[in-house]
Amino acid sequence: MKRALCCLLLTVCLASALPARAALLSPESVYGLGEMKPRDSALRVKVGDMAPDFALPALGGATVRLSDYRGKKNVVLSFVPAAFTPVCSDQWPGYNLARPLFEKRDTVLLGITTDNLPSLHAWTLQMGGVWFPVLSDFWPHGRVAGAYGVLRGDGMAERALVVIDRKGVIRSIDVNDINQRPELGELIRRLDALR
């Protein structure tokens, strides 16, 4: 009961804190995409599949491989459409506040976009930084997003969350409406189901 109450309080705090966090970005630095087609891709993976492995460059110069976490951590892949856009600039900073929820569930978050590293560097710097690895799927453009079936026709990734367990098996896939921020509580429930 106490645990559920704490989770609820944190979720409420996140919901109220996110707009203020995103407001740190100056209005001139955020590019509004307007209302977009909610979903524009077809999944190439399904729950129960082994997650396709990948190696992508990360901010800071490292190369991150999904298989590095196999047998060690649960993984959430957070695909987002583009840097410097309003919803993405709300979503990722919110995960800073939720970091204890991921750590308590022995889970690492990997943020992935099809932006290049210089753009991701400038964007995350303006957002005050994020605790999780930020990976560029810029070149070959969208190869990882394409392997999972979340690459849109316009070259951006969908707003998708893929939960992968320690064995490397996909346990849930949530391709959200690109115009809306995913609900954190649902993601945490999916992580709890891994226990």
Foldseek 3Di string as FASTA:
>chain_A
DVVVVVVVVLLVVLVVCLVVLLPLFPPVQADEPPADFQAAWDFPDDFFDQQDWDWFAWPVGDIDIPCVQALQAKEKEFFAFDFRHRQVSRAQVSVQSVVVLQVVLRYAYEYEKQDDRVRVVVRCVSSVHGDHIYGHCNVVQCPSLVNRTQQHPVSIGFRKIWIAGNNRGTHDIDRGRNVHHDRVVVVSVSSVVND
